[in-house]
């Protein structure tokens, strides 16, 4: 039974340095990667970050969302793994993942009141 299951599992490795760029600074680049992954006839996809120097926060967010989306799909479901990430890319992915899990609370917004400068001058003599 396990052998039959193992026959159905296929794995692909996508070299991001070659397919995208050494610097992944845009969500749009991740969207083009999503199309490549969708057409792959595999169940498992390794995204190889070897030689990739930088991933922006927005690109890291798009990568994590894409990973979750492929895992949730009923059809064409794929498990995506990130391999050979350098320390900076690993930290960026962890920070973005943590922010997705526990988003920052809404910022307090201050609404300043308009004050006439003449009333301030008059108040100085009060």
PDB file of N, CA and C in Angstrom:
ATOM      1  N   UNK A   1       0.830  -1.196   0.000  1.00  0.00           N
ATOM      2  CA  UNK A   1       0.000   0.000   0.000  1.00  0.00           C
ATOM      3  C   UNK A   1       0.873   1.259   0.000  1.00  0.00           C
ATOM      4  N   UNK A   2       1.908   1.288   0.844  1.00  0.00           N
ATOM      5  CA  UNK A   2       2.807   2.440   0.909  1.00  0.00           C
ATOM      6  C   UNK A   2       3.539   2.617  -0.414  1.00  0.00           C
ATOM      7  N   UNK A   3       3.914   1.520  -1.060  1.00  0.00           N
ATOM      8  CA  UNK A   3       4.610   1.612  -2.339  1.00  0.00           C
ATOM      9  C   UNK A   3       3.739   2.282  -3.395  1.00  0.00           C
ATOM     10  N   UNK A   4       2.447   1.948  -3.412  1.00  0.00           N
ATOM     11  CA  UNK A   4       1.530   2.550  -4.374  1.00  0.00           C
ATOM     12  C   UNK A   4       1.415   4.057  -4.106  1.00  0.00           C
ATOM     13  N   UNK A   5       1.376   4.446  -2.845  1.00  0.00           N
ATOM     14  CA  UNK A   5       1.307   5.852  -2.472  1.00  0.00           C
ATOM     15  C   UNK A   5       2.571   6.582  -2.920  1.00  0.00           C
ATOM     16  N   UNK A   6       3.713   5.962  -2.710  1.00  0.00           N
ATOM     17  CA  UNK A   6       4.994   6.576  -3.054  1.00  0.00           C
ATOM     18  C   UNK A   6       5.139   6.764  -4.565  1.00  0.00           C
ATOM     19  N   UNK A   7       4.530   5.883  -5.367  1.00  0.00           N
ATOM     20  CA  UNK A   7       4.593   6.019  -6.814  1.00  0.00           C
ATOM     21  C   UNK A   7       3.882   7.288  -7.282  1.00  0.00           C
ATOM     22  N   UNK A   8       2.851   7.698  -6.578  1.00  0.00           N
ATOM     23  CA  UNK A   8       2.073   8.874  -6.966  1.00  0.00           C
ATOM     24  C   UNK A   8       2.714  10.188  -6.554  1.00  0.00           C
ATOM     25  N   UNK A   9       3.715  10.125  -5.698  1.00  0.00           N
ATOM     26  CA  UNK A   9       4.378  11.352  -5.249  1.00  0.00           C
ATOM     27  C   UNK A   9       5.508  11.687  -6.208  1.00  0.00           C
ATOM     28  N   UNK A  10       5.438  12.894  -6.721  1.00  0.00           N
ATOM     29  CA  UNK A  10       6.487  13.378  -7.608  1.00  0.00           C
ATOM     30  C   UNK A  10       6.986  14.696  -7.054  1.00  0.00           C
ATOM     31  N   UNK A  11       8.278  14.930  -7.210  1.00  0.00           N
ATOM     32  CA  UNK A  11       8.888  16.111  -6.619  1.00  0.00           C
ATOM     33  C   UNK A  11       9.628  16.913  -7.688  1.00  0.00           C
ATOM     34  N   UNK A  12       9.520  18.225  -7.588  1.00  0.00           N
ATOM     35  CA  UNK A  12      10.248  19.118  -8.489  1.00  0.00           C
ATOM     36  C   UNK A  12      10.994  20.149  -7.656  1.00  0.00           C
ATOM     37  N   UNK A  13      12.122  20.579  -8.170  1.00  0.00           N
ATOM     38  CA  UNK A  13      12.894  21.646  -7.537  1.00  0.00           C
ATOM     39  C   UNK A  13      12.976  22.801  -8.516  1.00  0.00           C
ATOM     40  N   UNK A  14      12.602  23.985  -8.040  1.00  0.00           N
ATOM     41  CA  UNK A  14      12.653  25.186  -8.879  1.00  0.00           C
ATOM     42  C   UNK A  14      13.743  26.095  -8.345  1.00  0.00           C
ATOM     43  N   UNK A  15      14.727  26.353  -9.179  1.00  0.00           N
ATOM     44  CA  UNK A  15      15.840  27.212  -8.826  1.00  0.00           C
ATOM     45  C   UNK A  15      15.399  28.662  -9.020  1.00  0.00           C
ATOM     46  N   UNK A  16      15.161  29.374  -7.924  1.00  0.00           N
ATOM     47  CA  UNK A  16      14.643  30.748  -7.993  1.00  0.00           C
ATOM     48  C   UNK A  16      15.657  31.723  -8.588  1.00  0.00           C
ATOM     49  N   UNK A  17      16.928  31.451  -8.384  1.00  0.00           N
ATOM     50  CA  UNK A  17      17.978  32.304  -8.954  1.00  0.00           C
ATOM     51  C   UNK A  17      17.873  32.306 -10.478  1.00  0.00           C
ATOM     52  N   UNK A  18      17.640  31.131 -11.058  1.00  0.00           N
ATOM     53  CA  UNK A  18      17.541  31.025 -12.517  1.00  0.00           C
ATOM     54  C   UNK A  18      16.167  31.428 -13.031  1.00  0.00           C
ATOM     55  N   UNK A  19      15.119  31.029 -12.339  1.00  0.00           N
ATOM     56  CA  UNK A  19      13.756  31.272 -12.813  1.00  0.00           C
ATOM     57  C   UNK A  19      13.279  32.698 -12.579  1.00  0.00           C
ATOM     58  N   UNK A  20      13.747  33.317 -11.495  1.00  0.00           N
ATOM     59  CA  UNK A  20      13.264  34.672 -11.179  1.00  0.00           C
ATOM     60  C   UNK A  20      14.430  35.653 -11.213  1.00  0.00           C
ATOM     61  N   UNK A  21      15.218  35.691 -10.138  1.00  0.00           N
ATOM     62  CA  UNK A  21      16.323  36.652 -10.049  1.00  0.00           C
ATOM     63  C   UNK A  21      17.048  36.455  -8.725  1.00  0.00           C
ATOM     64  N   UNK A  22      18.252  37.019  -8.584  1.00  0.00           N
ATOM     65  CA  UNK A  22      18.948  36.932  -7.296  1.00  0.00           C
ATOM     66  C   UNK A  22      18.333  37.822  -6.223  1.00  0.00           C
ATOM     67  N   UNK A  23      17.529  38.783  -6.657  1.00  0.00           N
ATOM     68  CA  UNK A  23      16.816  39.658  -5.725  1.00  0.00           C
ATOM     69  C   UNK A  23      15.330  39.567  -6.059  1.00  0.00           C
ATOM     70  N   UNK A  24      14.550  39.072  -5.107  1.00  0.00           N
ATOM     71  CA  UNK A  24      13.112  38.919  -5.309  1.00  0.00           C
ATOM     72  C   UNK A  24      12.440  40.033  -4.523  1.00  0.00           C
ATOM     73  N   UNK A  25      12.128  41.101  -5.225  1.00  0.00           N
ATOM     74  CA  UNK A  25      11.640  42.295  -4.544  1.00  0.00           C
ATOM     75  C   UNK A  25      10.212  42.667  -4.870  1.00  0.00           C
ATOM     76  N   UNK A  26       9.482  41.784  -5.535  1.00  0.00           N
ATOM     77  CA  UNK A  26       8.141  42.154  -5.965  1.00  0.00           C
ATOM     78  C   UNK A  26       7.185  40.978  -5.884  1.00  0.00           C
ATOM     79  N   UNK A  27       5.941  41.282  -5.539  1.00  0.00           N
ATOM     80  CA  UNK A  27       4.882  40.262  -5.550  1.00  0.00           C
ATOM     81  C   UNK A  27       4.666  39.713  -6.951  1.00  0.00           C
ATOM     82  N   UNK A  28       4.825  40.565  -7.951  1.00  0.00           N
ATOM     83  CA  UNK A  28       4.597  40.149  -9.328  1.00  0.00           C
ATOM     84  C   UNK A  28       5.507  38.981  -9.719  1.00  0.00           C
ATOM     85  N   UNK A  29       6.715  38.981  -9.222  1.00  0.00           N
ATOM     86  CA  UNK A  29       7.629  37.874  -9.500  1.00  0.00           C
ATOM     87  C   UNK A  29       7.100  36.575  -8.901  1.00  0.00           C
ATOM     88  N   UNK A  30       6.498  36.673  -7.735  1.00  0.00           N
ATOM     89  CA  UNK A  30       5.933  35.492  -7.079  1.00  0.00           C
ATOM     90  C   UNK A  30       4.712  35.003  -7.853  1.00  0.00           C
ATOM     91  N   UNK A  31       3.927  35.922  -8.394  1.00  0.00           N
ATOM     92  CA  UNK A  31       2.751  35.524  -9.176  1.00  0.00           C
ATOM     93  C   UNK A  31       3.171  34.763 -10.430  1.00  0.00           C
ATOM     94  N   UNK A  32       4.267  35.171 -11.061  1.00  0.00           N
ATOM     95  CA  UNK A  32       4.749  34.432 -12.231  1.00  0.00           C
ATOM     96  C   UNK A  32       5.261  33.057 -11.814  1.00  0.00           C
ATOM     97  N   UNK A  33       5.838  32.962 -10.638  1.00  0.00           N
ATOM     98  CA  UNK A  33       6.294  31.678 -10.106  1.00  0.00           C
ATOM     99  C   UNK A  33       5.101  30.759  -9.839  1.00  0.00           C
ATOM    100  N   UNK A  34       4.009  31.328  -9.390  1.00  0.00           N
ATOM    101  CA  UNK A  34       2.800  30.561  -9.111  1.00  0.00           C
ATOM    102  C   UNK A  34       2.305  29.846 -10.376  1.00  0.00           C
ATOM    103  N   UNK A  35       2.413  30.508 -11.507  1.00  0.00           N
ATOM    104  CA  UNK A  35       2.009  29.896 -12.777  1.00  0.00           C
ATOM    105  C   UNK A  35       2.910  28.704 -13.112  1.00  0.00           C
ATOM    106  N   UNK A  36       4.194  28.840 -12.860  1.00  0.00           N
ATOM    107  CA  UNK A  36       5.140  27.740 -13.121  1.00  0.00           C
ATOM    108  C   UNK A  36       4.795  26.545 -12.236  1.00  0.00           C
ATOM    109  N   UNK A  37       4.525  26.809 -10.968  1.00  0.00           N
ATOM    110  CA  UNK A  37       4.210  25.731 -10.028  1.00  0.00           C
ATOM    111  C   UNK A  37       2.886  25.059 -10.402  1.00  0.00           C
ATOM    112  N   UNK A  38       1.913  25.847 -10.821  1.00  0.00           N
ATOM    113  CA  UNK A  38       0.604  25.295 -11.191  1.00  0.00           C
ATOM    114  C   UNK A  38       0.713  24.290 -12.332  1.00  0.00           C
ATOM    115  N   UNK A  39       1.588  24.566 -13.272  1.00  0.00           N
ATOM    116  CA  UNK A  39       1.721  23.677 -14.427  1.00  0.00           C
ATOM    117  C   UNK A  39       2.603  22.463 -14.159  1.00  0.00           C
ATOM    118  N   UNK A  40       3.342  22.479 -13.057  1.00  0.00           N
ATOM    119  CA  UNK A  40       4.213  21.346 -12.730  1.00  0.00           C
ATOM    120  C   UNK A  40       3.374  20.115 -12.413  1.00  0.00           C
ATOM    121  N   UNK A  41       3.777  18.994 -12.941  1.00  0.00           N
ATOM    122  CA  UNK A  41       3.051  17.731 -12.742  1.00  0.00           C
ATOM    123  C   UNK A  41       3.622  17.012 -11.511  1.00  0.00           C
ATOM    124  N   UNK A  42       3.661  17.724 -10.397  1.00  0.00           N
ATOM    125  CA  UNK A  42       4.238  17.179  -9.167  1.00  0.00           C
ATOM    126  C   UNK A  42       3.351  17.460  -7.976  1.00  0.00           C
ATOM    127  N   UNK A  43       3.563  16.695  -6.902  1.00  0.00           N
ATOM    128  CA  UNK A  43       2.854  16.908  -5.646  1.00  0.00           C
ATOM    129  C   UNK A  43       3.687  17.743  -4.679  1.00  0.00           C
ATOM    130  N   UNK A  44       4.999  17.630  -4.803  1.00  0.00           N
ATOM    131  CA  UNK A  44       5.926  18.326  -3.911  1.00  0.00           C
ATOM    132  C   UNK A  44       6.803  19.262  -4.738  1.00  0.00           C
ATOM    133  N   UNK A  45       6.975  20.489  -4.253  1.00  0.00           N
ATOM    134  CA  UNK A  45       7.802  21.459  -4.955  1.00  0.00           C
ATOM    135  C   UNK A  45       8.767  22.087  -3.946  1.00  0.00           C
ATOM    136  N   UNK A  46      10.042  21.989  -4.249  1.00  0.00           N
ATOM    137  CA  UNK A  46      11.065  22.667  -3.457  1.00  0.00           C
ATOM    138  C   UNK A  46      11.432  23.958  -4.173  1.00  0.00           C
ATOM    139  N   UNK A  47      11.322  25.067  -3.472  1.00  0.00           N
ATOM    140  CA  UNK A  47      11.788  26.344  -4.007  1.00  0.00           C
ATOM    141  C   UNK A  47      13.199  26.539  -3.479  1.00  0.00           C
ATOM    142  N   UNK A  48      14.169  26.462  -4.388  1.00  0.00           N
ATOM    143  CA  UNK A  48      15.580  26.516  -4.032  1.00  0.00           C
ATOM    144  C   UNK A  48      16.069  27.961  -4.070  1.00  0.00           C
ATOM    145  N   UNK A  49      16.446  28.487  -2.907  1.00  0.00           N
ATOM    146  CA  UNK A  49      16.896  29.869  -2.771  1.00  0.00           C
ATOM    147  C   UNK A  49      18.418  30.002  -2.885  1.00  0.00           C
ATOM    148  N   UNK A  50      19.096  28.951  -3.328  1.00  0.00           N
ATOM    149  CA  UNK A  50      20.554  29.009  -3.465  1.00  0.00           C
ATOM    150  C   UNK A  50      20.913  30.146  -4.419  1.00  0.00           C
ATOM    151  N   UNK A  51      21.813  31.003  -3.995  1.00  0.00           N
ATOM    152  CA  UNK A  51      22.297  32.185  -4.721  1.00  0.00           C
ATOM    153  C   UNK A  51      21.306  33.355  -4.716  1.00  0.00           C
ATOM    154  N   UNK A  52      20.122  33.189  -4.126  1.00  0.00           N
ATOM    155  CA  UNK A  52      19.202  34.323  -3.994  1.00  0.00           C
ATOM    156  C   UNK A  52      19.688  35.149  -2.812  1.00  0.00           C
ATOM    157  N   UNK A  53      19.880  36.436  -3.027  1.00  0.00           N
ATOM    158  CA  UNK A  53      20.478  37.298  -2.018  1.00  0.00           C
ATOM    159  C   UNK A  53      19.460  37.970  -1.107  1.00  0.00           C
ATOM    160  N   UNK A  54      18.263  38.265  -1.649  1.00  0.00           N
ATOM    161  CA  UNK A  54      17.313  39.082  -0.900  1.00  0.00           C
ATOM    162  C   UNK A  54      15.893  38.754  -1.327  1.00  0.00           C
ATOM    163  N   UNK A  55      14.981  38.779  -0.352  1.00  0.00           N
ATOM    164  CA  UNK A  55      13.546  38.670  -0.609  1.00  0.00           C
ATOM    165  C   UNK A  55      12.876  39.789   0.179  1.00  0.00           C
ATOM    166  N   UNK A  56      12.111  40.622  -0.512  1.00  0.00           N
ATOM    167  CA  UNK A  56      11.428  41.734   0.160  1.00  0.00           C
ATOM    168  C   UNK A  56      10.308  41.217   1.044  1.00  0.00           C
ATOM    169  N   UNK A  57       9.821  42.088   1.897  1.00  0.00           N
ATOM    170  CA  UNK A  57       8.730  41.715   2.789  1.00  0.00           C
ATOM    171  C   UNK A  57       7.486  41.353   1.984  1.00  0.00           C
ATOM    172  N   UNK A  58       7.172  42.145   0.982  1.00  0.00           N
ATOM    173  CA  UNK A  58       5.972  41.869   0.183  1.00  0.00           C
ATOM    174  C   UNK A  58       6.105  40.572  -0.606  1.00  0.00           C
ATOM    175  N   UNK A  59       7.292  40.292  -1.120  1.00  0.00           N
ATOM    176  CA  UNK A  59       7.508  39.030  -1.841  1.00  0.00           C
ATOM    177  C   UNK A  59       7.443  37.847  -0.872  1.00  0.00           C
ATOM    178  N   UNK A  60       7.990  38.006   0.322  1.00  0.00           N
ATOM    179  CA  UNK A  60       7.923  36.935   1.326  1.00  0.00           C
ATOM    180  C   UNK A  60       6.466  36.658   1.694  1.00  0.00           C
ATOM    181  N   UNK A  61       5.690  37.700   1.853  1.00  0.00           N
ATOM    182  CA  UNK A  61       4.270  37.542   2.153  1.00  0.00           C
ATOM    183  C   UNK A  61       3.567  36.787   1.026  1.00  0.00           C
ATOM    184  N   UNK A  62       3.838  37.183  -0.216  1.00  0.00           N
ATOM    185  CA  UNK A  62       3.225  36.520  -1.370  1.00  0.00           C
ATOM    186  C   UNK A  62       3.648  35.051  -1.445  1.00  0.00           C
ATOM    187  N   UNK A  63       4.898  34.747  -1.131  1.00  0.00           N
ATOM    188  CA  UNK A  63       5.366  33.352  -1.129  1.00  0.00           C
ATOM    189  C   UNK A  63       4.622  32.519  -0.088  1.00  0.00           C
ATOM    190  N   UNK A  64       4.457  33.071   1.101  1.00  0.00           N
ATOM    191  CA  UNK A  64       3.767  32.335   2.170  1.00  0.00           C
ATOM    192  C   UNK A  64       2.288  32.138   1.855  1.00  0.00           C
ATOM    193  N   UNK A  65       1.649  33.144   1.293  1.00  0.00           N
ATOM    194  CA  UNK A  65       0.244  33.020   0.904  1.00  0.00           C
ATOM    195  C   UNK A  65       0.105  31.973  -0.197  1.00  0.00           C
ATOM    196  N   UNK A  66       1.007  32.016  -1.176  1.00  0.00           N
ATOM    197  CA  UNK A  66       0.983  31.042  -2.257  1.00  0.00           C
ATOM    198  C   UNK A  66       1.145  29.626  -1.717  1.00  0.00           C
ATOM    199  N   UNK A  67       2.070  29.452  -0.788  1.00  0.00           N
ATOM    200  CA  UNK A  67       2.303  28.145  -0.177  1.00  0.00           C
ATOM    201  C   UNK A  67       1.031  27.627   0.495  1.00  0.00           C
ATOM    202  N   UNK A  68       0.363  28.486   1.253  1.00  0.00           N
ATOM    203  CA  UNK A  68      -0.889  28.105   1.926  1.00  0.00           C
ATOM    204  C   UNK A  68      -1.990  27.788   0.923  1.00  0.00           C
ATOM    205  N   UNK A  69      -2.088  28.593  -0.124  1.00  0.00           N
ATOM    206  CA  UNK A  69      -3.126  28.383  -1.133  1.00  0.00           C
ATOM    207  C   UNK A  69      -2.972  27.044  -1.834  1.00  0.00           C
ATOM    208  N   UNK A  70      -1.748  26.678  -2.187  1.00  0.00           N
ATOM    209  CA  UNK A  70      -1.530  25.391  -2.850  1.00  0.00           C
ATOM    210  C   UNK A  70      -1.847  24.224  -1.922  1.00  0.00           C
ATOM    211  N   UNK A  71      -1.634  24.398  -0.654  1.00  0.00           N
ATOM    212  CA  UNK A  71      -1.910  23.333   0.310  1.00  0.00           C
ATOM    213  C   UNK A  71      -3.411  23.153   0.527  1.00  0.00           C
ATOM    214  N   UNK A  72      -4.181  24.242   0.381  1.00  0.00           N
ATOM    215  CA  UNK A  72      -5.630  24.200   0.601  1.00  0.00           C
ATOM    216  C   UNK A  72      -6.419  23.690  -0.594  1.00  0.00           C
ATOM    217  N   UNK A  73      -5.831  23.730  -1.761  1.00  0.00           N
ATOM    218  CA  UNK A  73      -6.567  23.367  -2.973  1.00  0.00           C
ATOM    219  C   UNK A  73      -7.043  21.923  -2.925  1.00  0.00           C
ATOM    220  N   UNK A  74      -8.240  21.706  -3.420  1.00  0.00           N
ATOM    221  CA  UNK A  74      -8.762  20.338  -3.516  1.00  0.00           C
ATOM    222  C   UNK A  74      -8.150  19.643  -4.729  1.00  0.00           C
ATOM    223  N   UNK A  75      -8.035  20.369  -5.830  1.00  0.00           N
ATOM    224  CA  UNK A  75      -7.408  19.831  -7.033  1.00  0.00           C
ATOM    225  C   UNK A  75      -6.070  20.531  -7.223  1.00  0.00           C
ATOM    226  N   UNK A  76      -5.129  19.814  -7.783  1.00  0.00           N
ATOM    227  CA  UNK A  76      -3.790  20.359  -8.043  1.00  0.00           C
ATOM    228  C   UNK A  76      -3.101  20.807  -6.749  1.00  0.00           C
ATOM    229  N   UNK A  77      -3.363  20.071  -5.677  1.00  0.00           N
ATOM    230  CA  UNK A  77      -2.773  20.364  -4.367  1.00  0.00           C
ATOM    231  C   UNK A  77      -1.271  20.088  -4.411  1.00  0.00           C
ATOM    232  N   UNK A  78      -0.497  20.994  -3.855  1.00  0.00           N
ATOM    233  CA  UNK A  78       0.962  20.841  -3.836  1.00  0.00           C
ATOM    234  C   UNK A  78       1.502  21.288  -2.482  1.00  0.00           C
ATOM    235  N   UNK A  79       2.530  20.587  -2.052  1.00  0.00           N
ATOM    236  CA  UNK A  79       3.225  20.978  -0.829  1.00  0.00           C
ATOM    237  C   UNK A  79       4.520  21.661  -1.243  1.00  0.00           C
ATOM    238  N   UNK A  80       4.685  22.904  -0.797  1.00  0.00           N
ATOM    239  CA  UNK A  80       5.847  23.704  -1.182  1.00  0.00           C
ATOM    240  C   UNK A  80       6.785  23.839   0.007  1.00  0.00           C
ATOM    241  N   UNK A  81       8.068  23.632  -0.264  1.00  0.00           N
ATOM    242  CA  UNK A  81       9.103  23.784   0.762  1.00  0.00           C
ATOM    243  C   UNK A  81      10.127  24.802   0.290  1.00  0.00           C
ATOM    244  N   UNK A  82      10.680  25.533   1.251  1.00  0.00           N
ATOM    245  CA  UNK A  82      11.736  26.490   0.949  1.00  0.00           C
ATOM    246  C   UNK A  82      13.063  25.848   1.362  1.00  0.00           C
ATOM    247  N   UNK A  83      14.013  25.758   0.427  1.00  0.00           N
ATOM    248  CA  UNK A  83      15.306  25.150   0.741  1.00  0.00           C
ATOM    249  C   UNK A  83      16.439  26.111   0.393  1.00  0.00           C
ATOM    250  N   UNK A  84      17.565  25.908   1.039  1.00  0.00           N
ATOM    251  CA  UNK A  84      18.791  26.686   0.812  1.00  0.00           C
ATOM    252  C   UNK A  84      18.591  28.188   0.983  1.00  0.00           C
ATOM    253  N   UNK A  85      17.824  28.578   1.984  1.00  0.00           N
ATOM    254  CA  UNK A  85      17.636  30.004   2.263  1.00  0.00           C
ATOM    255  C   UNK A  85      18.830  30.519   3.062  1.00  0.00           C
ATOM    256  N   UNK A  86      19.283  31.725   2.743  1.00  0.00           N
ATOM    257  CA  UNK A  86      20.347  32.302   3.572  1.00  0.00           C
ATOM    258  C   UNK A  86      19.710  32.848   4.856  1.00  0.00           C
ATOM    259  N   UNK A  87      20.528  33.308   5.786  1.00  0.00           N
ATOM    260  CA  UNK A  87      20.019  33.762   7.092  1.00  0.00           C
ATOM    261  C   UNK A  87      19.029  34.917   6.968  1.00  0.00           C
ATOM    262  N   UNK A  88      19.324  35.872   6.087  1.00  0.00           N
ATOM    263  CA  UNK A  88      18.440  37.036   5.938  1.00  0.00           C
ATOM    264  C   UNK A  88      17.078  36.645   5.377  1.00  0.00           C
ATOM    265  N   UNK A  89      17.072  35.763   4.391  1.00  0.00           N
ATOM    266  CA  UNK A  89      15.806  35.323   3.799  1.00  0.00           C
ATOM    267  C   UNK A  89      15.018  34.502   4.814  1.00  0.00           C
ATOM    268  N   UNK A  90      15.705  33.665   5.552  1.00  0.00           N
ATOM    269  CA  UNK A  90      15.040  32.865   6.586  1.00  0.00           C
ATOM    270  C   UNK A  90      14.396  33.766   7.636  1.00  0.00           C
ATOM    271  N   UNK A  91      15.112  34.787   8.064  1.00  0.00           N
ATOM    272  CA  UNK A  91      14.563  35.730   9.051  1.00  0.00           C
ATOM    273  C   UNK A  91      13.354  36.469   8.491  1.00  0.00           C
ATOM    274  N   UNK A  92      13.444  36.895   7.237  1.00  0.00           N
ATOM    275  CA  UNK A  92      12.324  37.620   6.620  1.00  0.00           C
ATOM    276  C   UNK A  92      11.086  36.731   6.549  1.00  0.00           C
ATOM    277  N   UNK A  93      11.249  35.493   6.126  1.00  0.00           N
ATOM    278  CA  UNK A  93      10.114  34.567   6.054  1.00  0.00           C
ATOM    279  C   UNK A  93       9.516  34.321   7.433  1.00  0.00           C
ATOM    280  N   UNK A  94      10.365  34.180   8.448  1.00  0.00           N
ATOM    281  CA  UNK A  94       9.870  33.948   9.807  1.00  0.00           C
ATOM    282  C   UNK A  94       9.116  35.171  10.348  1.00  0.00           C
ATOM    283  N   UNK A  95       9.652  36.349  10.104  1.00  0.00           N
ATOM    284  CA  UNK A  95       9.000  37.571  10.587  1.00  0.00           C
ATOM    285  C   UNK A  95       7.642  37.750   9.928  1.00  0.00           C
ATOM    286  N   UNK A  96       7.596  37.567   8.618  1.00  0.00           N
ATOM    287  CA  UNK A  96       6.332  37.735   7.894  1.00  0.00           C
ATOM    288  C   UNK A  96       5.337  36.659   8.332  1.00  0.00           C
ATOM    289  N   UNK A  97       5.808  35.427   8.511  1.00  0.00           N
ATOM    290  CA  UNK A  97       4.914  34.349   8.970  1.00  0.00           C
ATOM    291  C   UNK A  97       4.370  34.655  10.360  1.00  0.00           C
ATOM    292  N   UNK A  98       5.214  35.178  11.230  1.00  0.00           N
ATOM    293  CA  UNK A  98       4.762  35.524  12.584  1.00  0.00           C
ATOM    294  C   UNK A  98       3.735  36.644  12.541  1.00  0.00           C
ATOM    295  N   UNK A  99       3.942  37.628  11.679  1.00  0.00           N
ATOM    296  CA  UNK A  99       2.988  38.727  11.555  1.00  0.00           C
ATOM    297  C   UNK A  99       1.660  38.252  10.982  1.00  0.00           C
ATOM    298  N   UNK A 100       1.705  37.233  10.128  1.00  0.00           N
ATOM    299  CA  UNK A 100       0.461  36.673   9.593  1.00  0.00           C
ATOM    300  C   UNK A 100      -0.287  35.919  10.682  1.00  0.00           C
ATOM    301  N   UNK A 101       0.438  35.240  11.547  1.00  0.00           N
ATOM    302  CA  UNK A 101      -0.186  34.461  12.614  1.00  0.00           C
ATOM    303  C   UNK A 101      -0.735  35.355  13.714  1.00  0.00           C
ATOM    304  N   UNK A 102      -0.034  36.415  14.009  1.00  0.00           N
ATOM    305  CA  UNK A 102      -0.436  37.318  15.079  1.00  0.00           C
ATOM    306  C   UNK A 102      -0.262  38.757  14.590  1.00  0.00           C
ATOM    307  N   UNK A 103      -1.226  39.244  13.807  1.00  0.00           N
ATOM    308  CA  UNK A 103      -1.067  40.573  13.214  1.00  0.00           C
ATOM    309  C   UNK A 103      -0.973  41.681  14.255  1.00  0.00           C
ATOM    310  N   UNK A 104      -0.275  42.727  13.868  1.00  0.00           N
ATOM    311  CA  UNK A 104      -0.129  43.896  14.733  1.00  0.00           C
ATOM    312  C   UNK A 104      -1.484  44.554  14.911  1.00  0.00           C
ATOM    313  N   UNK A 105      -1.731  45.018  16.111  1.00  0.00           N
ATOM    314  CA  UNK A 105      -3.005  45.686  16.386  1.00  0.00           C
ATOM    315  C   UNK A 105      -3.059  47.014  15.658  1.00  0.00           C
ATOM    316  N   UNK A 106      -4.260  47.476  15.461  1.00  0.00           N
ATOM    317  CA  UNK A 106      -4.471  48.720  14.740  1.00  0.00           C
ATOM    318  C   UNK A 106      -3.772  49.872  15.448  1.00  0.00           C
ATOM    319  N   UNK A 107      -3.123  50.707  14.662  1.00  0.00           N
ATOM    320  CA  UNK A 107      -2.435  51.874  15.210  1.00  0.00           C
ATOM    321  C   UNK A 107      -3.447  52.885  15.734  1.00  0.00           C
ATOM    322  N   UNK A 108      -3.045  53.565  16.785  1.00  0.00           N
ATOM    323  CA  UNK A 108      -3.872  54.631  17.331  1.00  0.00           C
ATOM    324  C   UNK A 108      -3.702  55.842  16.424  1.00  0.00           C
ATOM    325  N   UNK A 109      -4.806  56.384  16.013  1.00  0.00           N
ATOM    326  CA  UNK A 109      -4.758  57.544  15.116  1.00  0.00           C
ATOM    327  C   UNK A 109      -5.158  58.794  15.897  1.00  0.00           C
ATOM    328  N   UNK A 110      -4.320  59.795  15.814  1.00  0.00           N
ATOM    329  CA  UNK A 110      -4.578  61.054  16.496  1.00  0.00           C
ATOM    330  C   UNK A 110      -5.176  62.017  15.487  1.00  0.00           C
ATOM    331  N   UNK A 111      -6.280  62.616  15.875  1.00  0.00           N
ATOM    332  CA  UNK A 111      -6.929  63.597  15.006  1.00  0.00           C
ATOM    333  C   UNK A 111      -6.733  64.979  15.632  1.00  0.00           C
ATOM    334  N   UNK A 112      -5.713  65.702  15.174  1.00  0.00           N
ATOM    335  CA  UNK A 112      -5.459  67.019  15.772  1.00  0.00           C
ATOM    336  C   UNK A 112      -6.589  68.001  15.460  1.00  0.00           C
ATOM    337  N   UNK A 113      -6.822  68.847  16.439  1.00  0.00           N
ATOM    338  CA  UNK A 113      -7.883  69.853  16.309  1.00  0.00           C
ATOM    339  C   UNK A 113      -7.273  71.125  15.737  1.00  0.00           C
ATOM    340  N   UNK A 114      -7.970  71.729  14.786  1.00  0.00           N
ATOM    341  CA  UNK A 114      -7.503  72.990  14.209  1.00  0.00           C
ATOM    342  C   UNK A 114      -7.698  74.102  15.235  1.00  0.00           C
ATOM    343  N   UNK A 115      -6.664  74.903  15.431  1.00  0.00           N
ATOM    344  CA  UNK A 115      -6.724  76.014  16.378  1.00  0.00           C
ATOM    345  C   UNK A 115      -6.248  77.270  15.659  1.00  0.00           C
ATOM    346  N   UNK A 116      -6.956  78.343  15.891  1.00  0.00           N
ATOM    347  CA  UNK A 116      -6.589  79.626  15.301  1.00  0.00           C
ATOM    348  C   UNK A 116      -5.382  80.174  16.048  1.00  0.00           C
ATOM    349  N   UNK A 117      -4.362  80.583  15.316  1.00  0.00           N
ATOM    350  CA  UNK A 117      -3.131  81.099  15.923  1.00  0.00           C
ATOM    351  C   UNK A 117      -3.411  82.334  16.780  1.00  0.00           C
ATOM    352  N   UNK A 118      -4.368  83.147  16.395  1.00  0.00           N
ATOM    353  CA  UNK A 118      -4.708  84.355  17.154  1.00  0.00           C
ATOM    354  C   UNK A 118      -5.251  84.009  18.537  1.00  0.00           C
ATOM    355  N   UNK A 119      -6.009  82.924  18.627  1.00  0.00           N
ATOM    356  CA  UNK A 119      -6.537  82.538  19.942  1.00  0.00           C
ATOM    357  C   UNK A 119      -5.399  82.064  20.851  1.00  0.00           C
ATOM    358  N   UNK A 120      -4.356  81.478  20.281  1.00  0.00           N
ATOM    359  CA  UNK A 120      -3.199  81.062  21.086  1.00  0.00           C
ATOM    360  C   UNK A 120      -2.436  82.287  21.604  1.00  0.00           C
ATOM    361  N   UNK A 121      -2.287  83.278  20.757  1.00  0.00           N
ATOM    362  CA  UNK A 121      -1.585  84.506  21.166  1.00  0.00           C
ATOM    363  C   UNK A 121      -2.381  85.208  22.259  1.00  0.00           C
ATOM    364  N   UNK A 122      -3.703  85.282  22.095  1.00  0.00           N
ATOM    365  CA  UNK A 122      -4.554  85.933  23.090  1.00  0.00           C
ATOM    366  C   UNK A 122      -4.492  85.179  24.420  1.00  0.00           C
ATOM    367  N   UNK A 123      -4.390  83.878  24.363  1.00  0.00           N
ATOM    368  CA  UNK A 123      -4.339  83.047  25.564  1.00  0.00           C
ATOM    369  C   UNK A 123      -3.019  83.232  26.300  1.00  0.00           C
ATOM    370  N   UNK A 124      -1.954  83.585  25.597  1.00  0.00           N
ATOM    371  CA  UNK A 124      -0.658  83.777  26.213  1.00  0.00           C
ATOM    372  C   UNK A 124      -0.721  84.900  27.259  1.00  0.00           C
ATOM    373  N   UNK A 125      -1.514  85.910  27.015  1.00  0.00           N
ATOM    374  CA  UNK A 125      -1.651  87.048  27.906  1.00  0.00           C
ATOM    375  C   UNK A 125      -2.654  86.777  29.029  1.00  0.00           C
ATOM    376  N   UNK A 126      -3.307  85.611  29.013  1.00  0.00           N
ATOM    377  CA  UNK A 126      -4.327  85.300  30.025  1.00  0.00           C
ATOM    378  C   UNK A 126      -3.744  85.115  31.381  1.00  0.00           C
TER     379      UNK A 126
END
